[in-house]
Protein backbone atom coordinates (compact mmCIF):
# COMPACT_ATOMS: atom_id res chain seq x y z
CA UNK A 1 79.98 177.03 62.85
CA UNK A 2 80.62 177.98 59.24
CA UNK A 3 80.99 181.74 58.99
CA UNK A 4 82.17 182.22 62.58
CA UNK A 5 85.05 184.61 63.10
CA UNK A 6 88.57 183.22 63.36
CA UNK A 7 88.79 185.23 66.59
CA UNK A 8 86.59 182.58 68.25
CA UNK A 9 89.14 179.79 67.67
CA UNK A 10 90.81 178.58 70.86
CA UNK A 11 94.25 178.16 69.31
CA UNK A 12 95.87 176.59 72.39
CA UNK A 13 93.23 173.83 72.71
CA UNK A 14 93.20 173.35 68.93
CA UNK A 15 96.97 172.76 68.99
CA UNK A 16 96.69 170.36 71.95
CA UNK A 17 93.87 168.24 70.51
CA UNK A 18 94.58 168.46 66.79
CA UNK A 19 90.89 169.33 66.22
CA UNK A 20 89.38 172.75 65.63
CA UNK A 21 88.07 174.08 68.95
CA UNK A 22 86.12 177.34 69.18
CA UNK A 23 84.94 179.35 72.15
CA UNK A 24 81.21 179.64 72.79
CA UNK A 25 80.15 183.19 73.57
CA UNK A 26 78.14 184.06 76.68
CA UNK A 27 74.91 184.58 74.73
CA UNK A 28 75.07 180.93 73.68
CA UNK A 29 74.48 180.02 77.33
CA UNK A 30 70.80 180.84 77.00
CA UNK A 31 70.27 178.17 74.34
CA UNK A 32 68.96 174.74 75.21
CA UNK A 33 71.59 172.01 75.44
CA UNK A 34 70.60 168.46 74.52
CA UNK A 35 72.86 165.69 75.77
CA UNK A 36 72.52 162.53 73.68
CA UNK A 37 73.86 159.13 74.72
CA UNK A 38 73.73 155.72 73.08
CA UNK A 39 72.24 152.96 75.19
CA UNK A 40 75.48 151.00 75.65
CA UNK A 41 78.04 153.43 77.05
CA UNK A 42 80.99 153.23 79.40
CA UNK A 43 80.98 154.48 82.98
CA UNK A 44 83.31 157.25 81.78
CA UNK A 45 80.72 158.38 79.23
CA UNK A 46 77.97 158.48 81.85
CA UNK A 47 80.25 160.36 84.25
CA UNK A 48 81.13 162.93 81.57
CA UNK A 49 77.45 163.37 80.65
CA UNK A 50 76.66 163.91 84.35
CA UNK A 51 79.42 166.53 84.51
CA UNK A 52 77.81 168.37 81.61
CA UNK A 53 74.43 168.29 83.36
CA UNK A 54 75.93 169.78 86.54
CA UNK A 55 77.90 172.39 84.58
CA UNK A 56 74.94 173.65 82.57
CA UNK A 57 72.57 173.46 85.55
CA UNK A 58 74.93 175.74 87.49
CA UNK A 59 74.78 178.25 84.62
CA UNK A 60 70.98 178.09 84.44
CA UNK A 61 71.07 176.71 80.91
CA UNK A 62 68.11 174.47 79.97
CA UNK A 63 69.30 170.88 79.48
CA UNK A 64 67.52 167.89 77.95
CA UNK A 65 68.63 164.26 77.81
CA UNK A 66 68.01 161.91 74.90
CA UNK A 67 68.91 158.37 74.03
CA UNK A 68 67.26 155.22 72.75
CA UNK A 69 64.09 154.88 74.80
CA UNK A 70 64.84 157.97 76.89
CA UNK A 71 63.68 161.53 76.34
CA UNK A 72 63.79 164.01 79.18
CA UNK A 73 62.51 167.40 77.98
CA UNK A 74 64.62 170.45 78.78
CA UNK A 75 64.50 171.82 82.28
CA UNK A 76 66.45 173.89 84.77
CA UNK A 77 66.96 173.99 88.51
CA UNK A 78 68.34 171.75 91.23
CA UNK A 79 65.42 169.30 91.32
CA UNK A 80 65.58 168.83 87.57
CA UNK A 81 69.35 168.31 87.72
CA UNK A 82 68.95 165.62 90.41
CA UNK A 83 66.27 163.90 88.31
CA UNK A 84 68.57 163.77 85.27
CA UNK A 85 71.52 162.58 87.37
CA UNK A 86 69.35 159.77 88.75
CA UNK A 87 68.41 158.73 85.21
CA UNK A 88 72.10 158.73 84.24
CA UNK A 89 72.97 156.64 87.30
CA UNK A 90 70.49 154.00 86.09
CA UNK A 91 71.51 154.27 82.42
CA UNK A 92 71.68 151.12 80.34
CA UNK A 93 68.73 149.16 81.69
CA UNK A 94 66.20 147.52 79.39
CA UNK A 95 64.22 149.88 77.17
CA UNK A 96 61.39 149.43 74.72
CA UNK A 97 62.11 149.68 71.01
CA UNK A 98 62.26 153.30 70.01
CA UNK A 99 63.33 155.33 67.03
CA UNK A 100 66.91 156.48 66.75
CA UNK A 101 67.75 160.12 67.48
CA UNK A 102 65.09 162.78 67.34
CA UNK A 103 66.34 166.16 66.13
CA UNK A 104 66.85 168.59 68.97
CA UNK A 105 66.57 172.35 69.08
CA UNK A 106 69.60 174.43 70.06
CA UNK A 107 72.96 172.84 70.79
CA UNK A 108 73.55 169.11 71.12
CA UNK A 109 76.33 167.19 72.80
CA UNK A 110 76.69 163.61 71.62
CA UNK A 111 78.60 161.52 74.16
CA UNK A 112 79.96 158.41 72.47
CA UNK A 113 80.50 155.02 74.12
CA UNK A 114 83.99 156.03 75.26
CA UNK A 115 82.90 159.37 76.73
CA UNK A 116 84.17 161.66 73.98
CA UNK A 117 82.03 164.70 73.11
CA UNK A 118 80.81 165.82 69.70
CA UNK A 119 79.15 169.25 69.77
CA UNK A 120 76.46 170.08 67.25
CA UNK A 121 73.70 172.49 66.41
CA UNK A 122 70.05 171.86 65.45
CA UNK A 123 70.48 168.08 65.46
CA UNK A 124 73.64 168.04 63.32
CA UNK A 125 77.37 168.16 63.88
CA UNK A 126 79.27 171.44 63.99
């Protein structure tokens, strides 16, 4: 985020990827994470989104899932995680017309059709 300390930069990962990568501090874990997927995605993208759901569920971080025709409000716990994983397993079926993205509170993770992540905050990109 603009204004963050240079001490938060993960220099090793930044050098490996060629993109600026910063560490997220522990207090960020309490914020809601919204995972957003386009309707037509690869199996890799769905698998990576599922990995994020499992990761944040294990940390007790509220997670929501959004995409065209899909909006699962934020939740926590094992039952919620299994519900979201089931939705991801069935991803890509027919959906009714719906608006594009709805702005989300907290952090967002956009998973593109290839499975790459784009982290953002308050509905925008970092």
